[in-house]
Structures are given as structure tokens and as C-alpha cells.
PDB file of N, CA and C in Angstrom:
ATOM      1  N   GLN A   1      -3.519   9.975  -5.554  1.00  0.00           N
ATOM      2  CA  GLN A   1      -3.134   8.604  -5.742  1.00  0.00           C
ATOM      3  C   GLN A   1      -2.294   8.447  -7.045  1.00  0.00           C
ATOM      4  N   ILE A   2      -1.374   7.500  -6.855  1.00  0.00           N
ATOM      5  CA  ILE A   2      -0.349   7.391  -7.984  1.00  0.00           C
ATOM      6  C   ILE A   2      -0.363   5.780  -8.186  1.00  0.00           C
ATOM      7  N   THR A   3      -0.581   5.413  -9.496  1.00  0.00           N
ATOM      8  CA  THR A   3      -0.584   4.004  -9.814  1.00  0.00           C
ATOM      9  C   THR A   3       0.763   3.611 -10.489  1.00  0.00           C
ATOM     10  N   LEU A   4       1.328   2.368  -9.918  1.00  0.00           N
ATOM     11  CA  LEU A   4       2.535   1.871 -10.539  1.00  0.00           C
ATOM     12  C   LEU A   4       2.167   0.526 -11.214  1.00  0.00           C
ATOM     13  N   GLY A   5       2.822   0.271 -12.356  1.00  0.00           N
ATOM     14  CA  GLY A   5       2.615  -0.815 -13.041  1.00  0.00           C
ATOM     15  C   GLY A   5       3.269  -0.864 -14.451  1.00  0.00           C
ATOM     16  N   ARG A   6       2.584  -1.652 -15.313  1.00  0.00           N
ATOM     17  CA  ARG A   6       2.948  -1.816 -16.767  1.00  0.00           C
ATOM     18  C   ARG A   6       1.912  -1.332 -17.584  1.00  0.00           C
ATOM     19  N   ALA A   7       2.131  -0.140 -18.393  1.00  0.00           N
ATOM     20  CA  ALA A   7       1.134   0.404 -19.310  1.00  0.00           C
ATOM     21  C   ALA A   7       1.010  -0.508 -20.440  1.00  0.00           C
ATOM     22  N   THR A   8      -0.218  -0.609 -20.902  1.00  0.00           N
ATOM     23  CA  THR A   8      -0.624  -1.308 -22.138  1.00  0.00           C
ATOM     24  C   THR A   8      -1.460  -0.307 -22.921  1.00  0.00           C
ATOM     25  N   LYS A   9      -1.915  -0.764 -24.125  1.00  0.00           N
ATOM     26  CA  LYS A   9      -2.829   0.147 -24.940  1.00  0.00           C
ATOM     27  C   LYS A   9      -4.105   0.385 -24.270  1.00  0.00           C
ATOM     28  N   ASP A  10      -4.668  -0.595 -23.426  1.00  0.00           N
ATOM     29  CA  ASP A  10      -5.870  -0.306 -22.683  1.00  0.00           C
ATOM     30  C   ASP A  10      -5.778  -0.006 -21.355  1.00  0.00           C
ATOM     31  N   ASN A  11      -4.514   0.135 -20.796  1.00  0.00           N
ATOM     32  CA  ASN A  11      -4.331   0.379 -19.428  1.00  0.00           C
ATOM     33  C   ASN A  11      -3.346   1.460 -19.166  1.00  0.00           C
ATOM     34  N   GLN A  12      -3.789   2.632 -18.734  1.00  0.00           N
ATOM     35  CA  GLN A  12      -2.961   3.715 -18.388  1.00  0.00           C
ATOM     36  C   GLN A  12      -2.497   3.567 -17.009  1.00  0.00           C
ATOM     37  N   ILE A  13      -1.181   3.967 -16.682  1.00  0.00           N
ATOM     38  CA  ILE A  13      -0.499   3.967 -15.577  1.00  0.00           C
ATOM     39  C   ILE A  13       0.194   5.203 -15.249  1.00  0.00           C
ATOM     40  N   ASP A  14       0.367   5.692 -14.034  1.00  0.00           N
ATOM     41  CA  ASP A  14       1.095   6.972 -13.756  1.00  0.00           C
ATOM     42  C   ASP A  14       2.501   6.740 -13.767  1.00  0.00           C
ATOM     43  N   VAL A  15       3.109   5.630 -13.274  1.00  0.00           N
ATOM     44  CA  VAL A  15       4.486   5.281 -13.342  1.00  0.00           C
ATOM     45  C   VAL A  15       4.710   3.933 -14.070  1.00  0.00           C
ATOM     46  N   ASP A  16       5.125   3.888 -15.403  1.00  0.00           N
ATOM     47  CA  ASP A  16       5.276   2.714 -16.052  1.00  0.00           C
ATOM     48  C   ASP A  16       6.626   2.038 -15.777  1.00  0.00           C
ATOM     49  N   LEU A  17       6.578   1.056 -14.892  1.00  0.00           N
ATOM     50  CA  LEU A  17       7.729   0.359 -14.464  1.00  0.00           C
ATOM     51  C   LEU A  17       8.403  -0.686 -15.500  1.00  0.00           C
ATOM     52  N   ALA A  18       7.691  -0.838 -16.593  1.00  0.00           N
ATOM     53  CA  ALA A  18       8.144  -1.685 -17.644  1.00  0.00           C
ATOM     54  C   ALA A  18       9.311  -0.970 -18.405  1.00  0.00           C
ATOM     55  N   LEU A  19       9.478   0.240 -18.357  1.00  0.00           N
ATOM     56  CA  LEU A  19      10.456   0.937 -18.878  1.00  0.00           C
ATOM     57  C   LEU A  19      11.834   0.776 -18.050  1.00  0.00           C
ATOM     58  N   GLU A  20      11.905   0.156 -17.000  1.00  0.00           N
ATOM     59  CA  GLU A  20      12.970   0.040 -16.176  1.00  0.00           C
ATOM     60  C   GLU A  20      13.683  -1.356 -16.216  1.00  0.00           C
ATOM     61  N   GLY A  21      12.857  -2.337 -16.778  1.00  0.00           N
ATOM     62  CA  GLY A  21      13.532  -3.689 -16.737  1.00  0.00           C
ATOM     63  C   GLY A  21      12.485  -4.721 -17.404  1.00  0.00           C
ATOM     64  N   PRO A  22      12.672  -5.990 -16.986  1.00  0.00           N
ATOM     65  CA  PRO A  22      11.798  -6.985 -17.680  1.00  0.00           C
ATOM     66  C   PRO A  22      10.452  -6.841 -17.307  1.00  0.00           C
ATOM     67  N   ALA A  23       9.618  -6.434 -18.396  1.00  0.00           N
ATOM     68  CA  ALA A  23       8.192  -6.098 -18.204  1.00  0.00           C
ATOM     69  C   ALA A  23       7.350  -7.220 -17.821  1.00  0.00           C
ATOM     70  N   TRP A  24       7.726  -8.497 -18.017  1.00  0.00           N
ATOM     71  CA  TRP A  24       6.931  -9.698 -17.708  1.00  0.00           C
ATOM     72  C   TRP A  24       6.889  -9.876 -16.252  1.00  0.00           C
ATOM     73  N   LYS A  25       7.664  -9.249 -15.355  1.00  0.00           N
ATOM     74  CA  LYS A  25       7.709  -9.382 -14.007  1.00  0.00           C
ATOM     75  C   LYS A  25       6.771  -8.364 -13.341  1.00  0.00           C
ATOM     76  N   ILE A  26       6.239  -7.414 -14.048  1.00  0.00           N
ATOM     77  CA  ILE A  26       5.439  -6.388 -13.548  1.00  0.00           C
ATOM     78  C   ILE A  26       4.024  -6.534 -13.910  1.00  0.00           C
ATOM     79  N   SER A  27       3.053  -6.451 -12.913  1.00  0.00           N
ATOM     80  CA  SER A  27       1.658  -6.509 -13.213  1.00  0.00           C
ATOM     81  C   SER A  27       1.262  -5.194 -13.809  1.00  0.00           C
ATOM     82  N   ARG A  28       0.094  -5.375 -14.569  1.00  0.00           N
ATOM     83  CA  ARG A  28      -0.394  -4.039 -15.195  1.00  0.00           C
ATOM     84  C   ARG A  28      -0.735  -3.013 -14.135  1.00  0.00           C
ATOM     85  N   LYS A  29      -1.214  -3.532 -13.037  1.00  0.00           N
ATOM     86  CA  LYS A  29      -1.442  -2.486 -11.846  1.00  0.00           C
ATOM     87  C   LYS A  29      -0.810  -3.262 -10.594  1.00  0.00           C
ATOM     88  N   GLN A  30       0.573  -2.838 -10.495  1.00  0.00           N
ATOM     89  CA  GLN A  30       1.365  -3.487  -9.534  1.00  0.00           C
ATOM     90  C   GLN A  30       1.181  -2.920  -8.057  1.00  0.00           C
ATOM     91  N   GLY A  31       0.856  -1.627  -8.033  1.00  0.00           N
ATOM     92  CA  GLY A  31       0.694  -0.951  -6.839  1.00  0.00           C
ATOM     93  C   GLY A  31       0.124   0.404  -6.943  1.00  0.00           C
ATOM     94  N   VAL A  32      -0.379   0.918  -5.747  1.00  0.00           N
ATOM     95  CA  VAL A  32      -1.048   2.167  -5.698  1.00  0.00           C
ATOM     96  C   VAL A  32      -0.508   2.917  -4.449  1.00  0.00           C
ATOM     97  N   ILE A  33      -0.028   4.128  -4.619  1.00  0.00           N
ATOM     98  CA  ILE A  33       0.348   4.899  -3.498  1.00  0.00           C
ATOM     99  C   ILE A  33      -0.761   5.959  -3.235  1.00  0.00           C
ATOM    100  N   LYS A  34      -1.237   5.931  -1.942  1.00  0.00           N
ATOM    101  CA  LYS A  34      -2.277   6.886  -1.517  1.00  0.00           C
ATOM    102  C   LYS A  34      -1.894   7.698  -0.406  1.00  0.00           C
ATOM    103  N   LEU A  35      -2.363   8.927  -0.381  1.00  0.00           N
ATOM    104  CA  LEU A  35      -2.190   9.959   0.660  1.00  0.00           C
ATOM    105  C   LEU A  35      -3.345   9.897   1.552  1.00  0.00           C
ATOM    106  N   LYS A  36      -3.283   9.660   2.823  1.00  0.00           N
ATOM    107  CA  LYS A  36      -4.398   9.592   3.768  1.00  0.00           C
ATOM    108  C   LYS A  36      -4.731  10.997   4.326  1.00  0.00           C
ATOM    109  N   ASN A  37      -5.858  11.310   4.823  1.00  0.00           N
ATOM    110  CA  ASN A  37      -6.230  12.581   5.382  1.00  0.00           C
ATOM    111  C   ASN A  37      -5.249  13.037   6.448  1.00  0.00           C
ATOM    112  N   ASN A  38      -4.652  12.149   7.256  1.00  0.00           N
ATOM    113  CA  ASN A  38      -3.762  12.500   8.326  1.00  0.00           C
ATOM    114  C   ASN A  38      -2.328  12.797   7.812  1.00  0.00           C
ATOM    115  N   GLY A  39      -2.087  12.745   6.538  1.00  0.00           N
ATOM    116  CA  GLY A  39      -0.750  13.033   5.928  1.00  0.00           C
ATOM    117  C   GLY A  39       0.148  11.910   5.751  1.00  0.00           C
ATOM    118  N   ASP A  40      -0.322  10.674   6.035  1.00  0.00           N
ATOM    119  CA  ASP A  40       0.489   9.476   5.902  1.00  0.00           C
ATOM    120  C   ASP A  40       0.227   8.934   4.498  1.00  0.00           C
ATOM    121  N   PHE A  41       1.338   8.440   3.941  1.00  0.00           N
ATOM    122  CA  PHE A  41       1.355   7.655   2.673  1.00  0.00           C
ATOM    123  C   PHE A  41       1.283   6.224   2.915  1.00  0.00           C
ATOM    124  N   PHE A  42       0.532   5.593   2.106  1.00  0.00           N
ATOM    125  CA  PHE A  42       0.436   3.975   2.090  1.00  0.00           C
ATOM    126  C   PHE A  42       0.698   3.529   0.697  1.00  0.00           C
ATOM    127  N   ILE A  43       1.252   2.362   0.575  1.00  0.00           N
ATOM    128  CA  ILE A  43       1.275   1.726  -0.742  1.00  0.00           C
ATOM    129  C   ILE A  43       0.544   0.335  -0.634  1.00  0.00           C
ATOM    130  N   ALA A  44      -0.251   0.141  -1.569  1.00  0.00           N
ATOM    131  CA  ALA A  44      -1.057  -1.038  -1.727  1.00  0.00           C
ATOM    132  C   ALA A  44      -0.504  -1.998  -2.802  1.00  0.00           C
ATOM    133  N   ASN A  45      -0.127  -3.261  -2.543  1.00  0.00           N
ATOM    134  CA  ASN A  45       0.331  -4.105  -3.591  1.00  0.00           C
ATOM    135  C   ASN A  45      -0.828  -4.788  -4.150  1.00  0.00           C
ATOM    136  N   GLU A  46      -1.161  -4.508  -5.426  1.00  0.00           N
ATOM    137  CA  GLU A  46      -2.260  -5.049  -6.151  1.00  0.00           C
ATOM    138  C   GLU A  46      -1.762  -6.078  -7.215  1.00  0.00           C
ATOM    139  N   GLY A  47      -0.458  -6.417  -7.239  1.00  0.00           N
ATOM    140  CA  GLY A  47       0.050  -7.342  -8.020  1.00  0.00           C
ATOM    141  C   GLY A  47       0.265  -8.763  -7.487  1.00  0.00           C
ATOM    142  N   ARG A  48       0.759  -9.627  -8.271  1.00  0.00           N
ATOM    143  CA  ARG A  48       1.024 -11.036  -7.771  1.00  0.00           C
ATOM    144  C   ARG A  48       2.388 -11.184  -7.074  1.00  0.00           C
ATOM    145  N   ARG A  49       3.462 -10.457  -7.532  1.00  0.00           N
ATOM    146  CA  ARG A  49       4.657 -10.447  -6.897  1.00  0.00           C
ATOM    147  C   ARG A  49       4.815  -9.458  -5.700  1.00  0.00           C
ATOM    148  N   PRO A  50       5.727  -9.676  -4.880  1.00  0.00           N
ATOM    149  CA  PRO A  50       5.942  -8.846  -3.692  1.00  0.00           C
ATOM    150  C   PRO A  50       6.436  -7.458  -4.072  1.00  0.00           C
ATOM    151  N   ILE A  51       6.199  -6.403  -3.333  1.00  0.00           N
ATOM    152  CA  ILE A  51       6.859  -5.215  -3.408  1.00  0.00           C
ATOM    153  C   ILE A  51       7.656  -5.115  -2.124  1.00  0.00           C
ATOM    154  N   TYR A  52       8.871  -4.671  -2.189  1.00  0.00           N
ATOM    155  CA  TYR A  52       9.768  -4.575  -1.052  1.00  0.00           C
ATOM    156  C   TYR A  52       9.776  -3.180  -0.536  1.00  0.00           C
ATOM    157  N   ILE A  53       9.475  -2.986   0.784  1.00  0.00           N
ATOM    158  CA  ILE A  53       9.600  -1.548   1.381  1.00  0.00           C
ATOM    159  C   ILE A  53      10.687  -1.634   2.451  1.00  0.00           C
ATOM    160  N   ASP A  54      11.757  -1.009   2.225  1.00  0.00           N
ATOM    161  CA  ASP A  54      12.920  -1.040   3.192  1.00  0.00           C
ATOM    162  C   ASP A  54      13.356  -2.456   3.389  1.00  0.00           C
ATOM    163  N   GLY A  55      13.364  -3.185   2.352  1.00  0.00           N
ATOM    164  CA  GLY A  55      13.665  -4.731   2.479  1.00  0.00           C
ATOM    165  C   GLY A  55      12.685  -5.672   2.980  1.00  0.00           C
ATOM    166  N   ARG A  56      11.549  -5.067   3.343  1.00  0.00           N
ATOM    167  CA  ARG A  56      10.493  -5.973   3.792  1.00  0.00           C
ATOM    168  C   ARG A  56       9.590  -6.301   2.694  1.00  0.00           C
ATOM    169  N   PRO A  57       9.065  -7.596   2.553  1.00  0.00           N
ATOM    170  CA  PRO A  57       8.125  -7.901   1.403  1.00  0.00           C
ATOM    171  C   PRO A  57       6.725  -7.536   1.850  1.00  0.00           C
ATOM    172  N   VAL A  58       5.987  -6.835   0.782  1.00  0.00           N
ATOM    173  CA  VAL A  58       4.593  -6.569   1.097  1.00  0.00           C
ATOM    174  C   VAL A  58       3.905  -7.404   0.031  1.00  0.00           C
ATOM    175  N   LEU A  59       3.179  -8.364   0.258  1.00  0.00           N
ATOM    176  CA  LEU A  59       2.557  -9.398  -0.569  1.00  0.00           C
ATOM    177  C   LEU A  59       1.385  -8.798  -1.164  1.00  0.00           C
ATOM    178  N   GLY A  60       0.955  -9.539  -2.317  1.00  0.00           N
ATOM    179  CA  GLY A  60      -0.266  -9.032  -2.983  1.00  0.00           C
ATOM    180  C   GLY A  60      -1.459  -8.969  -2.198  1.00  0.00           C
ATOM    181  N   GLY A  61      -2.268  -7.939  -2.251  1.00  0.00           N
ATOM    182  CA  GLY A  61      -3.368  -7.724  -1.422  1.00  0.00           C
ATOM    183  C   GLY A  61      -3.136  -7.070  -0.179  1.00  0.00           C
ATOM    184  N   SER A  62      -1.883  -6.712   0.239  1.00  0.00           N
ATOM    185  CA  SER A  62      -1.488  -6.073   1.469  1.00  0.00           C
ATOM    186  C   SER A  62      -1.156  -4.642   1.206  1.00  0.00           C
ATOM    187  N   LYS A  63      -1.111  -3.854   2.352  1.00  0.00           N
ATOM    188  CA  LYS A  63      -0.682  -2.498   2.186  1.00  0.00           C
ATOM    189  C   LYS A  63       0.373  -2.177   3.291  1.00  0.00           C
ATOM    190  N   TRP A  64       1.148  -1.193   3.225  1.00  0.00           N
ATOM    191  CA  TRP A  64       2.254  -0.795   4.067  1.00  0.00           C
ATOM    192  C   TRP A  64       2.344   0.728   4.141  1.00  0.00           C
ATOM    193  N   LYS A  65       2.597   1.228   5.317  1.00  0.00           N
ATOM    194  CA  LYS A  65       2.728   2.666   5.499  1.00  0.00           C
ATOM    195  C   LYS A  65       4.122   2.961   5.095  1.00  0.00           C
ATOM    196  N   LEU A  66       4.247   4.072   4.212  1.00  0.00           N
ATOM    197  CA  LEU A  66       5.623   4.609   3.768  1.00  0.00           C
ATOM    198  C   LEU A  66       6.116   5.655   4.718  1.00  0.00           C
ATOM    199  N   ASN A  67       7.367   5.482   5.096  1.00  0.00           N
ATOM    200  CA  ASN A  67       7.960   6.486   6.119  1.00  0.00           C
ATOM    201  C   ASN A  67       8.770   7.466   5.117  1.00  0.00           C
ATOM    202  N   ASN A  68       9.317   8.449   5.757  1.00  0.00           N
ATOM    203  CA  ASN A  68      10.169   9.413   5.157  1.00  0.00           C
ATOM    204  C   ASN A  68      11.396   8.675   4.756  1.00  0.00           C
ATOM    205  N   ASN A  69      11.722   8.732   3.413  1.00  0.00           N
ATOM    206  CA  ASN A  69      13.013   8.146   2.780  1.00  0.00           C
ATOM    207  C   ASN A  69      12.818   6.603   2.739  1.00  0.00           C
ATOM    208  N   SER A  70      11.574   6.118   2.620  1.00  0.00           N
ATOM    209  CA  SER A  70      11.406   4.654   2.417  1.00  0.00           C
ATOM    210  C   SER A  70      11.973   4.273   1.015  1.00  0.00           C
ATOM    211  N   VAL A  71      12.559   3.035   1.022  1.00  0.00           N
ATOM    212  CA  VAL A  71      13.077   2.498  -0.223  1.00  0.00           C
ATOM    213  C   VAL A  71      12.033   1.593  -0.865  1.00  0.00           C
ATOM    214  N   VAL A  72      11.437   1.755  -1.959  1.00  0.00           N
ATOM    215  CA  VAL A  72      10.362   0.955  -2.625  1.00  0.00           C
ATOM    216  C   VAL A  72      11.089   0.196  -3.778  1.00  0.00           C
ATOM    217  N   GLU A  73      11.068  -1.137  -3.724  1.00  0.00           N
ATOM    218  CA  GLU A  73      11.644  -2.048  -4.779  1.00  0.00           C
ATOM    219  C   GLU A  73      10.550  -2.902  -5.381  1.00  0.00           C
ATOM    220  N   VAL A  74      10.472  -2.913  -6.693  1.00  0.00           N
ATOM    221  CA  VAL A  74       9.550  -3.786  -7.376  1.00  0.00           C
ATOM    222  C   VAL A  74      10.309  -4.718  -8.262  1.00  0.00           C
TER     223      VAL A  74
END
């Protein structure tokens, strides 16, 4: 599993998205990408703002299956 978000002194993240732009728009734990036993990847949005997968919004508390070459926008 890989955690996406905004790193702080008390919160370690695998991919620190605050390095890419306005940090105030990123939750400390924005999303998690997990590999399932069947080989599928899913992303779960754990932040307040939507994550866009191939242009479709994934709202907070929801998850989405990632396809080969999916574009993830935060």
C-alpha cells in the first residue's frame, strides 16, 4: 500500500503531494493505493477534496479501481 498526502512532523507519507503545489489543498492522508490479491489496484480517497481518476471525481470516503495507464489528479 502507498499513502498519498501532505507530510508533517507527526505524519509520515509515502508520496508527499505538498511538494508539488499549494499544500493547504492536500489532506495529511489524501489517499491510499492498495494492491488486491487478484492483482487489481484500487485508490481510496481519505481526504475532503475529490481525487480525479481519468477525469472522474472520486469523493472522500470512496474508492475506485485503477486501470492500466489511469491518470490520477489531486
